[in-house]
Amino acid sequence: MQIQVQLSTPSSKALATLEPFLGLQATSSTSKIRVALHIMKSINNNIVNCANNQN
């Protein structure tokens, strides 16, 4: 499943869109940071997996 969020989307709306897929609730600034870190970690893992699959 691919999730696309437009860059023009306000971050709060983007987080609300992603919350169900991440299984996280972003209600405070702290949890929003956690969501952002989770997304970056997932993207990083995907990049590593793609690189490993190329070899």
C-alpha atoms as a PDB file:
ATOM      1  CA  MET A   1       0.000   0.000   0.000  1.00  0.00           C
ATOM      2  CA  GLN A   2       1.355   3.392  -0.967  1.00  0.00           C
ATOM      3  CA  ILE A   3       0.511   6.551   0.944  1.00  0.00           C
ATOM      4  CA  GLN A   4       1.000   9.861  -0.797  1.00  0.00           C
ATOM      5  CA  VAL A   5       0.762  13.185   1.007  1.00  0.00           C
ATOM      6  CA  GLN A   6       1.055  16.363  -1.009  1.00  0.00           C
ATOM      7  CA  LEU A   7       3.667  18.831   0.178  1.00  0.00           C
ATOM      8  CA  SER A   8       1.085  21.605   0.122  1.00  0.00           C
ATOM      9  CA  THR A   9      -1.011  19.739   2.699  1.00  0.00           C
ATOM     10  CA  PRO A  10      -0.813  21.288   6.173  1.00  0.00           C
ATOM     11  CA  SER A  11       1.277  19.061   8.436  1.00  0.00           C
ATOM     12  CA  SER A  12      -1.570  18.551  10.909  1.00  0.00           C
ATOM     13  CA  LYS A  13      -3.853  17.318   8.122  1.00  0.00           C
ATOM     14  CA  ALA A  14      -1.087  15.103   6.732  1.00  0.00           C
ATOM     15  CA  LEU A  15      -0.512  13.584  10.164  1.00  0.00           C
ATOM     16  CA  ALA A  16      -4.218  12.991  10.602  1.00  0.00           C
ATOM     17  CA  THR A  17      -4.211  11.204   7.241  1.00  0.00           C
ATOM     18  CA  LEU A  18      -1.254   9.020   8.195  1.00  0.00           C
ATOM     19  CA  GLU A  19      -2.292   8.210  11.777  1.00  0.00           C
ATOM     20  CA  PRO A  20      -4.550   5.251  10.912  1.00  0.00           C
ATOM     21  CA  PHE A  21      -1.824   3.644   8.807  1.00  0.00           C
ATOM     22  CA  LEU A  22       0.854   4.171  11.449  1.00  0.00           C
ATOM     23  CA  GLY A  23      -1.340   3.133  14.342  1.00  0.00           C
ATOM     24  CA  LEU A  24      -0.298   6.286  16.170  1.00  0.00           C
ATOM     25  CA  GLN A  25      -2.164   9.256  17.553  1.00  0.00           C
ATOM     26  CA  ALA A  26      -0.539  12.638  16.957  1.00  0.00           C
ATOM     27  CA  THR A  27      -2.305  14.919  19.394  1.00  0.00           C
ATOM     28  CA  SER A  28       0.642  16.809  20.886  1.00  0.00           C
ATOM     29  CA  SER A  29       3.818  18.235  19.421  1.00  0.00           C
ATOM     30  CA  THR A  30       5.810  15.428  21.054  1.00  0.00           C
ATOM     31  CA  SER A  31       3.780  12.693  19.404  1.00  0.00           C
ATOM     32  CA  LYS A  32       3.883  14.583  16.103  1.00  0.00           C
ATOM     33  CA  ILE A  33       7.679  14.422  16.318  1.00  0.00           C
ATOM     34  CA  ARG A  34       7.408  10.694  17.053  1.00  0.00           C
ATOM     35  CA  VAL A  35       5.211  10.246  13.978  1.00  0.00           C
ATOM     36  CA  ALA A  36       7.693  12.174  11.834  1.00  0.00           C
ATOM     37  CA  LEU A  37      10.590  10.071  13.141  1.00  0.00           C
ATOM     38  CA  HIS A  38       8.596   6.889  12.519  1.00  0.00           C
ATOM     39  CA  ILE A  39       7.951   7.979   8.927  1.00  0.00           C
ATOM     40  CA  MET A  40      11.626   8.839   8.361  1.00  0.00           C
ATOM     41  CA  LYS A  41      12.711   5.515   9.870  1.00  0.00           C
ATOM     42  CA  SER A  42      10.292   3.645   7.600  1.00  0.00           C
ATOM     43  CA  ILE A  43      11.548   5.523   4.543  1.00  0.00           C
ATOM     44  CA  ASN A  44      15.160   4.826   5.539  1.00  0.00           C
ATOM     45  CA  ASN A  45      14.403   1.114   5.986  1.00  0.00           C
ATOM     46  CA  ASN A  46      12.753   1.014   2.569  1.00  0.00           C
ATOM     47  CA  ILE A  47      15.803   2.642   0.963  1.00  0.00           C
ATOM     48  CA  VAL A  48      18.125   0.137   2.673  1.00  0.00           C
ATOM     49  CA  ASN A  49      15.932  -2.766   1.574  1.00  0.00           C
ATOM     50  CA  CYS A  50      15.902  -1.506  -2.013  1.00  0.00           C
ATOM     51  CA  ALA A  51      19.694  -1.140  -1.979  1.00  0.00           C
ATOM     52  CA  ASN A  52      20.102  -4.645  -0.594  1.00  0.00           C
ATOM     53  CA  ASN A  53      17.782  -6.078  -3.227  1.00  0.00           C
ATOM     54  CA  GLN A  54      19.903  -4.525  -5.994  1.00  0.00           C
ATOM     55  CA  ASN A  55      22.955  -6.587  -5.004  1.00  0.00           C
END
